[in-house]
């Protein structure tokens, strides 16, 4: 389920969960921000292919992992001893500038129009929000919000700053070429792992989403 690359950042790692994002161009620009701020993997939930518009080639520098449901994604992240942090303006959410992070963290951002769904909220361990100081907009674009949160996490985690040359950062060589662009391919190991997690979830009576029957708005990105 992986493609792309990425560097280990030391003690902590960050992830971004992509689920229920409505606007077509946001996945690619989200990948661009993820590579800039040291994200280890982008986790796709639902459809396996993705739209890379706006990524400027950054999808070749980050790993992608796919799960059919949020429950399966959560099970994987918990095996990695990873918190799931929802980015949402809600009661109980902590200001991101306070850096309330505790360990490796996966960030789940809400739909641009409706925010986090009930199902998404249920898998989160805690929530952060981005304080605003003007009254001209109710919220930020999802990729802008992701950039701010991921930057704060990188500062807290002590990620090393990238190399600079002139007025830009140095771009590493592409990690590898993929047989199919913008597609998170499966490996025998990933298939076996997903089957194992699905069996565990079924044994615990957890609901497994059927990707073929999903009404996830993210599906519209790939038509």
N, C-alpha and C. Protein backbone atom coordinates (compact mmCIF):
# COMPACT_ATOMS: atom_id res chain seq x y z
N UNK A 1 0.81 -1.20 0.00
CA UNK A 1 0.00 0.00 0.00
C UNK A 1 0.85 1.26 0.00
N UNK A 2 2.10 1.13 -0.30
CA UNK A 2 2.96 2.28 -0.15
C UNK A 2 3.55 2.69 -1.49
N UNK A 3 3.74 3.99 -1.66
CA UNK A 3 4.59 4.49 -2.72
C UNK A 3 5.22 5.78 -2.25
N UNK A 4 6.28 6.19 -2.90
CA UNK A 4 6.94 7.41 -2.47
C UNK A 4 8.01 7.15 -1.44
N UNK A 5 8.47 8.21 -0.81
CA UNK A 5 9.56 8.07 0.15
C UNK A 5 9.34 8.96 1.34
N UNK A 6 10.39 9.26 2.02
CA UNK A 6 10.30 10.09 3.20
C UNK A 6 11.40 9.73 4.16
N UNK A 7 11.80 10.68 4.98
CA UNK A 7 12.88 10.46 5.93
C UNK A 7 12.34 10.32 7.33
N UNK A 8 12.97 9.46 8.10
CA UNK A 8 12.65 9.38 9.51
C UNK A 8 13.05 10.68 10.18
N UNK A 9 12.23 11.14 11.11
CA UNK A 9 12.47 12.43 11.73
C UNK A 9 12.91 12.31 13.18
N UNK A 10 13.33 11.10 13.60
CA UNK A 10 13.78 10.95 14.96
C UNK A 10 12.74 10.23 15.81
N UNK A 11 12.50 10.75 17.01
CA UNK A 11 11.64 10.07 17.97
C UNK A 11 10.18 10.06 17.54
N UNK A 12 9.73 11.11 16.88
CA UNK A 12 8.32 11.25 16.54
C UNK A 12 8.10 11.25 15.03
N UNK A 13 6.90 10.81 14.63
CA UNK A 13 6.50 10.87 13.23
C UNK A 13 5.09 11.44 13.14
N UNK A 14 4.80 12.04 12.01
CA UNK A 14 3.46 12.58 11.79
C UNK A 14 2.84 11.95 10.55
N UNK A 15 1.53 11.88 10.56
CA UNK A 15 0.74 11.30 9.48
C UNK A 15 -0.43 12.22 9.19
N UNK A 16 -0.96 12.12 7.98
CA UNK A 16 -2.19 12.84 7.63
C UNK A 16 -3.19 11.82 7.10
N UNK A 17 -4.39 11.85 7.65
CA UNK A 17 -5.47 10.96 7.19
C UNK A 17 -6.34 11.73 6.21
N UNK A 18 -6.48 11.19 5.00
CA UNK A 18 -7.30 11.82 3.96
C UNK A 18 -8.62 11.06 3.86
N UNK A 19 -9.69 11.71 4.27
CA UNK A 19 -11.02 11.10 4.24
C UNK A 19 -12.06 12.22 4.22
N UNK A 20 -13.01 12.12 3.31
CA UNK A 20 -14.14 13.05 3.31
C UNK A 20 -13.76 14.49 2.95
N UNK A 21 -12.69 14.65 2.13
CA UNK A 21 -12.34 15.98 1.63
C UNK A 21 -13.09 16.22 0.33
N UNK A 22 -13.74 17.37 0.22
CA UNK A 22 -14.69 17.56 -0.87
C UNK A 22 -14.09 18.18 -2.13
N UNK A 23 -13.16 19.11 -2.00
CA UNK A 23 -12.72 19.88 -3.16
C UNK A 23 -11.61 19.17 -3.91
N UNK A 24 -11.73 19.15 -5.22
CA UNK A 24 -10.91 18.32 -6.09
C UNK A 24 -9.41 18.58 -5.94
N UNK A 25 -9.02 19.84 -5.82
CA UNK A 25 -7.60 20.17 -5.85
C UNK A 25 -6.91 20.04 -4.49
N UNK A 26 -7.64 19.78 -3.44
CA UNK A 26 -7.05 19.86 -2.10
C UNK A 26 -6.12 18.70 -1.75
N UNK A 27 -6.32 17.51 -2.33
CA UNK A 27 -5.46 16.38 -1.98
C UNK A 27 -4.03 16.62 -2.45
N UNK A 28 -3.86 17.14 -3.66
CA UNK A 28 -2.52 17.41 -4.17
C UNK A 28 -1.81 18.48 -3.38
N UNK A 29 -2.50 19.57 -3.07
CA UNK A 29 -1.87 20.64 -2.30
C UNK A 29 -1.62 20.20 -0.86
N UNK A 30 -2.47 19.32 -0.35
CA UNK A 30 -2.24 18.76 0.97
C UNK A 30 -0.96 17.92 0.99
N UNK A 31 -0.74 17.15 -0.08
CA UNK A 31 0.50 16.36 -0.18
C UNK A 31 1.72 17.27 -0.23
N UNK A 32 1.60 18.40 -0.91
CA UNK A 32 2.72 19.35 -0.98
C UNK A 32 3.07 19.88 0.41
N UNK A 33 2.07 20.25 1.19
CA UNK A 33 2.32 20.72 2.55
C UNK A 33 2.88 19.60 3.42
N UNK A 34 2.37 18.39 3.23
CA UNK A 34 2.84 17.25 4.03
C UNK A 34 4.33 17.00 3.82
N UNK A 35 4.79 17.08 2.58
CA UNK A 35 6.21 16.86 2.33
C UNK A 35 7.05 18.00 2.90
N UNK A 36 6.53 19.22 2.86
CA UNK A 36 7.27 20.37 3.38
C UNK A 36 7.47 20.29 4.88
N UNK A 37 6.51 19.69 5.59
CA UNK A 37 6.55 19.70 7.05
C UNK A 37 6.84 18.33 7.66
N UNK A 38 7.46 17.45 6.86
CA UNK A 38 8.04 16.23 7.41
C UNK A 38 7.08 15.10 7.71
N UNK A 39 5.91 15.09 7.08
CA UNK A 39 4.96 14.00 7.31
C UNK A 39 5.53 12.69 6.77
N UNK A 40 5.38 11.62 7.52
CA UNK A 40 5.92 10.32 7.13
C UNK A 40 5.04 9.61 6.11
N UNK A 41 3.73 9.67 6.30
CA UNK A 41 2.81 8.98 5.39
C UNK A 41 1.50 9.75 5.29
N UNK A 42 0.90 9.68 4.11
CA UNK A 42 -0.48 10.11 3.93
C UNK A 42 -1.32 8.84 3.88
N UNK A 43 -2.33 8.79 4.72
CA UNK A 43 -3.18 7.61 4.82
C UNK A 43 -4.49 7.89 4.09
N UNK A 44 -4.71 7.15 3.01
CA UNK A 44 -5.94 7.29 2.24
C UNK A 44 -6.98 6.32 2.77
N UNK A 45 -8.17 6.81 3.02
CA UNK A 45 -9.27 5.96 3.48
C UNK A 45 -10.37 6.01 2.43
N UNK A 46 -10.74 4.83 1.91
CA UNK A 46 -11.75 4.77 0.86
C UNK A 46 -11.12 4.39 -0.46
N UNK A 47 -11.16 5.31 -1.43
CA UNK A 47 -10.59 5.04 -2.74
C UNK A 47 -9.07 4.99 -2.67
N UNK A 48 -8.49 4.12 -3.51
CA UNK A 48 -7.05 3.91 -3.50
C UNK A 48 -6.31 4.92 -4.37
N UNK A 49 -6.96 5.41 -5.44
CA UNK A 49 -6.31 6.39 -6.30
C UNK A 49 -6.55 7.79 -5.74
N UNK A 50 -5.75 8.75 -6.19
CA UNK A 50 -5.85 10.09 -5.63
C UNK A 50 -5.51 11.12 -6.69
N UNK A 51 -6.00 12.33 -6.49
CA UNK A 51 -5.78 13.43 -7.42
C UNK A 51 -4.56 14.23 -6.97
N UNK A 52 -3.56 14.35 -7.83
CA UNK A 52 -2.31 15.01 -7.45
C UNK A 52 -2.21 16.44 -7.96
N UNK A 53 -3.31 17.00 -8.45
CA UNK A 53 -3.26 18.37 -8.94
C UNK A 53 -2.81 19.31 -7.82
N UNK A 54 -1.83 20.15 -8.11
CA UNK A 54 -1.34 21.09 -7.12
C UNK A 54 -0.20 20.57 -6.27
N UNK A 55 0.20 19.31 -6.48
CA UNK A 55 1.25 18.73 -5.64
C UNK A 55 2.66 19.15 -6.06
N UNK A 56 2.82 19.62 -7.32
CA UNK A 56 4.12 20.03 -7.85
C UNK A 56 5.17 18.93 -7.68
N UNK A 57 4.76 17.69 -7.90
CA UNK A 57 5.69 16.57 -7.84
C UNK A 57 5.96 16.03 -6.46
N UNK A 58 5.36 16.60 -5.44
CA UNK A 58 5.67 16.19 -4.07
C UNK A 58 5.18 14.79 -3.74
N UNK A 59 4.23 14.26 -4.51
CA UNK A 59 3.73 12.91 -4.22
C UNK A 59 4.79 11.84 -4.44
N UNK A 60 5.88 12.18 -5.14
CA UNK A 60 6.98 11.24 -5.33
C UNK A 60 7.93 11.21 -4.14
N UNK A 61 7.68 12.07 -3.16
CA UNK A 61 8.58 12.19 -2.01
C UNK A 61 7.92 11.80 -0.69
N UNK A 62 6.76 11.17 -0.76
CA UNK A 62 6.07 10.80 0.47
C UNK A 62 5.38 9.45 0.27
N UNK A 63 5.29 8.67 1.33
CA UNK A 63 4.64 7.37 1.25
C UNK A 63 3.12 7.54 1.37
N UNK A 64 2.41 6.67 0.67
CA UNK A 64 0.96 6.60 0.78
C UNK A 64 0.57 5.21 1.28
N UNK A 65 -0.42 5.17 2.14
CA UNK A 65 -0.93 3.90 2.66
C UNK A 65 -2.45 3.94 2.57
N UNK A 66 -3.05 2.82 2.22
CA UNK A 66 -4.50 2.80 1.99
C UNK A 66 -5.21 1.86 2.96
N UNK A 67 -6.39 2.30 3.41
CA UNK A 67 -7.29 1.45 4.19
C UNK A 67 -8.71 1.64 3.67
N UNK A 68 -9.50 0.58 3.77
CA UNK A 68 -10.88 0.65 3.29
C UNK A 68 -11.79 1.39 4.26
N UNK A 69 -11.41 1.48 5.53
CA UNK A 69 -12.29 2.11 6.51
C UNK A 69 -11.48 2.88 7.54
N UNK A 70 -12.16 3.79 8.23
CA UNK A 70 -11.53 4.53 9.32
C UNK A 70 -11.12 3.60 10.46
N UNK A 71 -11.92 2.57 10.71
CA UNK A 71 -11.59 1.63 11.78
C UNK A 71 -10.27 0.92 11.51
N UNK A 72 -10.06 0.52 10.25
CA UNK A 72 -8.81 -0.15 9.90
C UNK A 72 -7.63 0.81 10.00
N UNK A 73 -7.83 2.05 9.57
CA UNK A 73 -6.77 3.05 9.68
C UNK A 73 -6.42 3.29 11.15
N UNK A 74 -7.44 3.39 11.98
CA UNK A 74 -7.21 3.61 13.41
C UNK A 74 -6.46 2.43 14.03
N UNK A 75 -6.84 1.20 13.66
CA UNK A 75 -6.16 0.02 14.22
C UNK A 75 -4.68 0.04 13.87
N UNK A 76 -4.36 0.40 12.64
CA UNK A 76 -2.95 0.48 12.23
C UNK A 76 -2.21 1.53 13.04
N UNK A 77 -2.80 2.71 13.18
CA UNK A 77 -2.14 3.81 13.88
C UNK A 77 -1.94 3.48 15.36
N UNK A 78 -2.88 2.77 15.95
CA UNK A 78 -2.73 2.40 17.36
C UNK A 78 -1.63 1.36 17.53
N UNK A 79 -1.47 0.48 16.55
CA UNK A 79 -0.35 -0.46 16.60
C UNK A 79 0.99 0.27 16.50
N UNK A 80 0.98 1.44 15.87
CA UNK A 80 2.18 2.27 15.76
C UNK A 80 2.34 3.18 16.97
N UNK A 81 1.48 3.02 17.99
CA UNK A 81 1.49 3.86 19.19
C UNK A 81 1.37 5.33 18.82
N UNK A 82 0.36 5.61 18.03
CA UNK A 82 0.18 6.94 17.45
C UNK A 82 -1.15 7.54 17.91
N UNK A 83 -1.12 8.80 18.34
CA UNK A 83 -2.35 9.53 18.63
C UNK A 83 -3.04 9.93 17.32
N UNK A 84 -4.36 10.08 17.39
CA UNK A 84 -5.11 10.64 16.27
C UNK A 84 -5.70 11.96 16.74
N UNK A 85 -5.29 13.03 16.09
CA UNK A 85 -5.68 14.38 16.49
C UNK A 85 -6.62 14.97 15.44
N UNK A 86 -7.83 15.28 15.84
CA UNK A 86 -8.77 15.94 14.94
C UNK A 86 -8.52 17.44 14.92
N UNK A 87 -8.55 18.02 13.74
CA UNK A 87 -8.38 19.47 13.60
C UNK A 87 -9.77 20.04 13.36
N UNK A 88 -10.31 20.67 14.40
CA UNK A 88 -11.71 21.09 14.35
C UNK A 88 -11.96 22.18 15.38
N UNK A 89 -12.79 23.15 15.01
CA UNK A 89 -13.22 24.18 15.96
C UNK A 89 -14.40 23.61 16.73
N UNK A 90 -14.15 23.18 17.95
CA UNK A 90 -15.21 22.56 18.74
C UNK A 90 -14.91 22.72 20.22
N UNK A 91 -15.94 22.53 21.04
CA UNK A 91 -15.75 22.59 22.49
C UNK A 91 -14.73 21.54 22.91
N UNK A 92 -13.80 21.94 23.75
CA UNK A 92 -12.79 21.02 24.24
C UNK A 92 -11.53 20.97 23.40
N UNK A 93 -11.57 21.55 22.19
CA UNK A 93 -10.37 21.57 21.35
C UNK A 93 -9.35 22.53 21.95
N UNK A 94 -8.07 22.18 21.82
CA UNK A 94 -6.98 22.99 22.37
C UNK A 94 -6.33 23.81 21.26
N UNK A 95 -5.88 25.00 21.58
CA UNK A 95 -5.21 25.86 20.60
C UNK A 95 -3.93 25.19 20.13
N UNK A 96 -3.74 25.13 18.82
CA UNK A 96 -2.57 24.43 18.28
C UNK A 96 -1.27 25.08 18.72
N UNK A 97 -1.29 26.39 18.97
CA UNK A 97 -0.09 27.08 19.41
C UNK A 97 0.39 26.67 20.79
N UNK A 98 -0.48 26.01 21.56
CA UNK A 98 -0.08 25.51 22.87
C UNK A 98 0.67 24.19 22.77
N UNK A 99 0.74 23.63 21.57
CA UNK A 99 1.47 22.38 21.32
C UNK A 99 1.08 21.27 22.31
N UNK A 100 -0.19 20.85 22.27
CA UNK A 100 -0.65 19.83 23.21
C UNK A 100 -0.31 18.40 22.78
N UNK A 101 0.65 18.25 21.91
CA UNK A 101 1.00 16.94 21.35
C UNK A 101 1.73 16.09 22.39
N UNK A 102 1.64 14.77 22.24
CA UNK A 102 2.21 13.87 23.23
C UNK A 102 3.18 12.85 22.64
N UNK A 103 2.98 12.51 21.38
CA UNK A 103 3.81 11.48 20.75
C UNK A 103 3.56 11.53 19.24
N UNK A 104 3.99 10.50 18.51
CA UNK A 104 3.69 10.46 17.08
C UNK A 104 2.19 10.63 16.88
N UNK A 105 1.83 11.40 15.85
CA UNK A 105 0.44 11.82 15.72
C UNK A 105 -0.02 11.79 14.27
N UNK A 106 -1.25 11.32 14.08
CA UNK A 106 -1.93 11.40 12.79
C UNK A 106 -2.99 12.48 12.87
N UNK A 107 -3.02 13.35 11.88
CA UNK A 107 -3.95 14.48 11.88
C UNK A 107 -5.10 14.21 10.92
N UNK A 108 -6.30 14.40 11.42
CA UNK A 108 -7.51 14.20 10.64
C UNK A 108 -8.24 15.53 10.54
N UNK A 109 -8.38 16.03 9.31
CA UNK A 109 -9.02 17.32 9.09
C UNK A 109 -10.43 17.12 8.55
N UNK A 110 -11.32 18.01 8.93
CA UNK A 110 -12.71 17.87 8.55
C UNK A 110 -12.99 18.30 7.12
N UNK A 111 -14.14 17.91 6.64
CA UNK A 111 -14.64 18.35 5.35
C UNK A 111 -14.74 19.88 5.33
N UNK A 112 -14.44 20.48 4.17
CA UNK A 112 -14.39 21.93 4.07
C UNK A 112 -15.71 22.60 4.47
N UNK A 113 -16.82 21.94 4.19
CA UNK A 113 -18.11 22.55 4.47
C UNK A 113 -18.73 22.12 5.78
N UNK A 114 -18.59 20.83 6.12
CA UNK A 114 -19.32 20.28 7.27
C UNK A 114 -18.44 19.93 8.45
N UNK A 115 -17.13 19.99 8.29
CA UNK A 115 -16.24 19.63 9.39
C UNK A 115 -16.13 18.12 9.56
N UNK A 116 -15.65 17.70 10.71
CA UNK A 116 -15.50 16.27 10.98
C UNK A 116 -16.87 15.62 11.17
N UNK A 117 -17.02 14.43 10.61
CA UNK A 117 -18.26 13.68 10.79
C UNK A 117 -18.26 13.01 12.16
N UNK A 118 -19.40 12.46 12.55
CA UNK A 118 -19.48 11.75 13.82
C UNK A 118 -18.50 10.58 13.83
N UNK A 119 -18.43 9.83 12.73
CA UNK A 119 -17.53 8.69 12.64
C UNK A 119 -16.08 9.14 12.78
N UNK A 120 -15.72 10.23 12.13
CA UNK A 120 -14.35 10.74 12.22
C UNK A 120 -14.03 11.21 13.64
N UNK A 121 -14.98 11.89 14.25
CA UNK A 121 -14.78 12.38 15.62
C UNK A 121 -14.53 11.22 16.58
N UNK A 122 -15.22 10.11 16.37
CA UNK A 122 -15.13 8.97 17.28
C UNK A 122 -13.74 8.34 17.32
N UNK A 123 -12.97 8.45 16.23
CA UNK A 123 -11.66 7.80 16.24
C UNK A 123 -10.55 8.73 16.76
N UNK A 124 -10.89 9.99 17.05
CA UNK A 124 -9.87 10.95 17.49
C UNK A 124 -9.62 10.83 18.99
N UNK A 125 -8.37 11.01 19.38
CA UNK A 125 -7.99 11.01 20.80
C UNK A 125 -8.17 12.39 21.42
N UNK A 126 -7.97 13.42 20.64
CA UNK A 126 -8.17 14.79 21.12
C UNK A 126 -8.25 15.70 19.90
N UNK A 127 -8.49 17.00 20.14
CA UNK A 127 -8.72 17.93 19.04
C UNK A 127 -7.90 19.21 19.26
N UNK A 128 -7.48 19.79 18.15
CA UNK A 128 -6.86 21.12 18.19
C UNK A 128 -7.61 22.03 17.23
N UNK A 129 -7.51 23.32 17.49
CA UNK A 129 -8.07 24.30 16.57
C UNK A 129 -7.04 25.40 16.35
N UNK A 130 -7.24 26.18 15.29
CA UNK A 130 -6.33 27.27 14.95
C UNK A 130 -7.00 28.59 15.33
N UNK A 131 -6.49 29.30 16.31
CA UNK A 131 -7.10 30.59 16.67
C UNK A 131 -7.05 31.57 15.50
N UNK A 132 -8.10 32.34 15.35
CA UNK A 132 -8.15 33.40 14.34
C UNK A 132 -8.25 34.76 15.04
N UNK A 133 -7.72 35.78 14.38
CA UNK A 133 -7.66 37.10 15.00
C UNK A 133 -8.40 38.16 14.19
N UNK A 134 -9.10 37.71 13.16
CA UNK A 134 -9.95 38.59 12.37
C UNK A 134 -11.33 37.97 12.25
N UNK A 135 -12.30 38.76 11.80
CA UNK A 135 -13.67 38.27 11.75
C UNK A 135 -14.23 38.23 10.33
N UNK A 136 -13.34 38.03 9.35
CA UNK A 136 -13.79 38.03 7.96
C UNK A 136 -14.10 36.67 7.38
N UNK A 137 -13.78 35.60 8.11
CA UNK A 137 -14.06 34.25 7.61
C UNK A 137 -14.34 33.33 8.79
N UNK A 138 -15.17 32.33 8.56
CA UNK A 138 -15.55 31.41 9.63
C UNK A 138 -14.51 30.33 9.88
N UNK A 139 -13.72 30.01 8.85
CA UNK A 139 -12.72 28.95 8.99
C UNK A 139 -11.73 29.05 7.84
N UNK A 140 -10.70 28.22 7.89
CA UNK A 140 -9.65 28.22 6.88
C UNK A 140 -9.84 27.09 5.88
N UNK A 141 -9.28 27.27 4.69
CA UNK A 141 -9.20 26.17 3.72
C UNK A 141 -8.48 24.99 4.36
N UNK A 142 -8.88 23.77 4.01
CA UNK A 142 -8.34 22.58 4.66
C UNK A 142 -6.83 22.46 4.50
N UNK A 143 -6.29 22.84 3.35
CA UNK A 143 -4.85 22.72 3.15
C UNK A 143 -4.09 23.81 3.91
N UNK A 144 -4.68 24.99 4.03
CA UNK A 144 -4.07 26.04 4.84
C UNK A 144 -4.03 25.60 6.30
N UNK A 145 -5.16 25.07 6.78
CA UNK A 145 -5.22 24.59 8.16
C UNK A 145 -4.20 23.48 8.39
N UNK A 146 -4.10 22.55 7.44
CA UNK A 146 -3.14 21.46 7.58
C UNK A 146 -1.71 21.99 7.67
N UNK A 147 -1.38 22.96 6.84
CA UNK A 147 -0.03 23.53 6.85
C UNK A 147 0.32 24.13 8.20
N UNK A 148 -0.61 24.87 8.77
CA UNK A 148 -0.36 25.50 10.07
C UNK A 148 -0.16 24.45 11.15
N UNK A 149 -1.05 23.47 11.19
CA UNK A 149 -0.97 22.44 12.23
C UNK A 149 0.29 21.60 12.08
N UNK A 150 0.61 21.20 10.86
CA UNK A 150 1.80 20.37 10.63
C UNK A 150 3.08 21.12 10.96
N UNK A 151 3.11 22.42 10.69
CA UNK A 151 4.28 23.22 11.06
C UNK A 151 4.45 23.26 12.58
N UNK A 152 3.36 23.48 13.29
CA UNK A 152 3.43 23.50 14.75
C UNK A 152 3.91 22.15 15.29
N UNK A 153 3.41 21.07 14.69
CA UNK A 153 3.83 19.75 15.17
C UNK A 153 5.33 19.54 14.91
N UNK A 154 5.80 19.95 13.74
CA UNK A 154 7.21 19.80 13.43
C UNK A 154 8.10 20.56 14.39
N UNK A 155 7.67 21.75 14.79
CA UNK A 155 8.42 22.53 15.78
C UNK A 155 8.46 21.79 17.11
N UNK A 156 7.28 21.32 17.56
CA UNK A 156 7.21 20.59 18.83
C UNK A 156 8.07 19.33 18.81
N UNK A 157 8.02 18.59 17.69
CA UNK A 157 8.73 17.31 17.59
C UNK A 157 10.23 17.48 17.36
N UNK A 158 10.67 18.69 17.05
CA UNK A 158 12.08 18.93 16.82
C UNK A 158 12.59 18.42 15.48
N UNK A 159 11.72 18.44 14.46
CA UNK A 159 12.16 18.02 13.13
C UNK A 159 13.29 18.94 12.66
N UNK A 160 14.25 18.36 11.96
CA UNK A 160 15.37 19.14 11.44
C UNK A 160 14.93 19.95 10.22
N UNK A 161 15.36 21.19 10.16
CA UNK A 161 15.04 22.02 9.01
C UNK A 161 15.74 21.50 7.77
N UNK A 162 15.07 21.56 6.62
CA UNK A 162 15.66 21.12 5.37
C UNK A 162 16.77 22.04 4.90
N UNK A 163 17.56 21.55 3.95
CA UNK A 163 18.65 22.35 3.40
C UNK A 163 18.11 23.42 2.46
N UNK A 164 18.73 24.58 2.49
CA UNK A 164 18.32 25.69 1.62
C UNK A 164 19.43 26.00 0.63
N UNK A 165 18.99 26.47 -0.53
CA UNK A 165 19.93 26.91 -1.56
C UNK A 165 19.33 28.13 -2.24
N UNK A 166 19.99 29.27 -2.10
CA UNK A 166 19.40 30.49 -2.63
C UNK A 166 18.15 30.85 -1.84
N UNK A 167 17.07 31.11 -2.56
CA UNK A 167 15.83 31.49 -1.88
C UNK A 167 14.81 30.36 -1.83
N UNK A 168 15.28 29.11 -1.95
CA UNK A 168 14.38 27.97 -1.89
C UNK A 168 15.04 26.82 -1.12
N UNK A 169 14.21 25.85 -0.74
CA UNK A 169 14.72 24.65 -0.11
C UNK A 169 15.11 23.63 -1.18
N UNK A 170 16.12 22.84 -0.87
CA UNK A 170 16.62 21.84 -1.81
C UNK A 170 15.62 20.69 -1.89
N UNK A 171 15.28 20.28 -3.10
CA UNK A 171 14.36 19.16 -3.32
C UNK A 171 15.19 17.90 -3.55
N UNK A 172 14.90 16.86 -2.79
CA UNK A 172 15.63 15.60 -2.92
C UNK A 172 15.27 14.91 -4.23
N UNK A 173 16.12 13.96 -4.62
CA UNK A 173 15.80 13.16 -5.79
C UNK A 173 14.56 12.33 -5.52
N UNK A 174 13.79 12.08 -6.56
CA UNK A 174 12.59 11.27 -6.40
C UNK A 174 12.98 9.88 -5.93
N UNK A 175 12.18 9.36 -5.01
CA UNK A 175 12.51 8.09 -4.39
C UNK A 175 12.40 6.92 -5.35
N UNK A 176 11.34 6.88 -6.14
CA UNK A 176 11.14 5.77 -7.07
C UNK A 176 10.05 6.13 -8.06
N UNK A 177 10.02 5.39 -9.16
CA UNK A 177 8.96 5.56 -10.13
C UNK A 177 7.88 4.53 -9.85
N UNK A 178 6.65 4.90 -10.17
CA UNK A 178 5.53 4.02 -9.87
C UNK A 178 4.92 3.50 -11.16
N UNK A 179 4.41 2.28 -11.09
CA UNK A 179 3.81 1.68 -12.27
C UNK A 179 2.58 2.45 -12.72
N UNK A 180 1.87 2.99 -11.79
CA UNK A 180 0.68 3.76 -12.11
C UNK A 180 0.70 5.03 -11.28
N UNK A 181 0.64 6.16 -11.93
CA UNK A 181 0.71 7.43 -11.21
C UNK A 181 -0.56 7.65 -10.39
N UNK A 182 -0.37 8.30 -9.24
CA UNK A 182 -1.49 8.72 -8.40
C UNK A 182 -2.35 7.54 -7.98
N UNK A 183 -1.68 6.43 -7.64
CA UNK A 183 -2.39 5.24 -7.22
C UNK A 183 -1.60 4.57 -6.11
N UNK A 184 -2.26 4.27 -5.02
CA UNK A 184 -1.60 3.64 -3.88
C UNK A 184 -1.69 2.13 -4.07
N UNK A 185 -0.62 1.52 -4.56
CA UNK A 185 -0.64 0.11 -4.93
C UNK A 185 -0.54 -0.79 -3.70
N UNK A 186 -0.98 -2.04 -3.87
CA UNK A 186 -0.93 -3.01 -2.80
C UNK A 186 0.25 -3.95 -2.99
N UNK A 187 0.78 -4.45 -1.89
CA UNK A 187 1.81 -5.47 -1.89
C UNK A 187 1.25 -6.70 -1.19
N UNK A 188 1.85 -7.88 -1.39
CA UNK A 188 1.37 -9.07 -0.66
C UNK A 188 1.35 -8.85 0.85
N UNK A 189 2.35 -8.13 1.37
CA UNK A 189 2.41 -7.88 2.81
C UNK A 189 1.26 -6.98 3.26
N UNK A 190 0.97 -5.95 2.45
CA UNK A 190 -0.10 -5.03 2.85
C UNK A 190 -1.46 -5.70 2.76
N UNK A 191 -1.64 -6.58 1.77
CA UNK A 191 -2.90 -7.31 1.65
C UNK A 191 -3.11 -8.21 2.87
N UNK A 192 -2.04 -8.92 3.26
CA UNK A 192 -2.13 -9.81 4.42
C UNK A 192 -2.42 -9.02 5.69
N UNK A 193 -1.77 -7.85 5.84
CA UNK A 193 -1.97 -7.03 7.02
C UNK A 193 -3.40 -6.51 7.08
N UNK A 194 -3.93 -6.06 5.93
CA UNK A 194 -5.29 -5.55 5.93
C UNK A 194 -6.30 -6.65 6.24
N UNK A 195 -6.08 -7.85 5.71
CA UNK A 195 -6.98 -8.96 6.01
C UNK A 195 -6.96 -9.29 7.50
N UNK A 196 -5.76 -9.25 8.09
CA UNK A 196 -5.65 -9.54 9.52
C UNK A 196 -6.43 -8.52 10.34
N UNK A 197 -6.26 -7.23 10.00
CA UNK A 197 -6.95 -6.19 10.74
C UNK A 197 -8.46 -6.27 10.55
N UNK A 198 -8.89 -6.62 9.34
CA UNK A 198 -10.33 -6.75 9.09
C UNK A 198 -10.92 -7.89 9.91
N UNK A 199 -10.18 -9.01 10.03
CA UNK A 199 -10.66 -10.12 10.84
C UNK A 199 -10.77 -9.74 12.30
N UNK A 200 -9.77 -8.98 12.79
CA UNK A 200 -9.81 -8.54 14.18
C UNK A 200 -11.00 -7.62 14.42
N UNK A 201 -11.24 -6.70 13.48
CA UNK A 201 -12.37 -5.78 13.62
C UNK A 201 -13.69 -6.54 13.59
N UNK A 202 -13.79 -7.54 12.69
CA UNK A 202 -15.01 -8.33 12.60
C UNK A 202 -15.26 -9.09 13.91
N UNK A 203 -14.17 -9.59 14.51
CA UNK A 203 -14.30 -10.31 15.77
C UNK A 203 -14.78 -9.41 16.89
N UNK A 204 -14.45 -8.12 16.78
CA UNK A 204 -14.86 -7.15 17.79
C UNK A 204 -16.15 -6.43 17.42
N UNK A 205 -16.82 -6.94 16.37
CA UNK A 205 -18.09 -6.38 15.92
C UNK A 205 -17.97 -4.93 15.48
N UNK A 206 -16.81 -4.57 14.91
CA UNK A 206 -16.64 -3.21 14.40
C UNK A 206 -17.19 -3.14 12.98
N UNK A 207 -17.78 -2.02 12.64
CA UNK A 207 -18.36 -1.83 11.31
C UNK A 207 -17.26 -1.62 10.29
N UNK A 208 -17.29 -2.39 9.19
CA UNK A 208 -16.33 -2.24 8.11
C UNK A 208 -17.03 -1.57 6.93
N UNK A 209 -16.49 -0.45 6.51
CA UNK A 209 -17.08 0.27 5.39
C UNK A 209 -16.77 -0.47 4.10
N UNK A 210 -17.74 -0.60 3.24
CA UNK A 210 -17.55 -1.18 1.92
C UNK A 210 -17.23 -0.06 0.96
N UNK A 211 -15.99 -0.03 0.46
CA UNK A 211 -15.59 1.08 -0.40
C UNK A 211 -16.46 1.18 -1.63
N UNK A 212 -16.93 0.03 -2.14
CA UNK A 212 -17.73 0.05 -3.35
C UNK A 212 -19.09 0.69 -3.11
N UNK A 213 -19.57 0.64 -1.85
CA UNK A 213 -20.88 1.18 -1.55
C UNK A 213 -20.80 2.50 -0.80
N UNK A 214 -19.58 3.00 -0.59
CA UNK A 214 -19.39 4.19 0.23
C UNK A 214 -20.01 5.42 -0.41
N UNK A 215 -20.61 6.28 0.43
CA UNK A 215 -21.08 7.57 -0.05
C UNK A 215 -20.10 8.67 0.34
N UNK A 216 -18.85 8.28 0.57
CA UNK A 216 -17.80 9.22 0.95
C UNK A 216 -17.64 10.29 -0.13
N UNK A 217 -17.78 11.58 0.19
CA UNK A 217 -17.61 12.63 -0.81
C UNK A 217 -16.23 12.63 -1.45
N UNK A 218 -15.24 11.99 -0.80
CA UNK A 218 -13.91 11.92 -1.40
C UNK A 218 -13.93 11.20 -2.74
N UNK A 219 -14.91 10.28 -2.92
CA UNK A 219 -15.00 9.55 -4.18
C UNK A 219 -15.11 10.50 -5.37
N UNK A 220 -15.74 11.64 -5.17
CA UNK A 220 -15.93 12.57 -6.27
C UNK A 220 -14.62 13.14 -6.78
N UNK A 221 -13.58 13.04 -5.98
CA UNK A 221 -12.27 13.56 -6.40
C UNK A 221 -11.68 12.76 -7.54
N UNK A 222 -12.10 11.49 -7.68
CA UNK A 222 -11.40 10.59 -8.57
C UNK A 222 -12.21 10.21 -9.79
N UNK A 223 -13.30 10.89 -10.02
CA UNK A 223 -14.12 10.58 -11.19
C UNK A 223 -13.51 11.21 -12.44
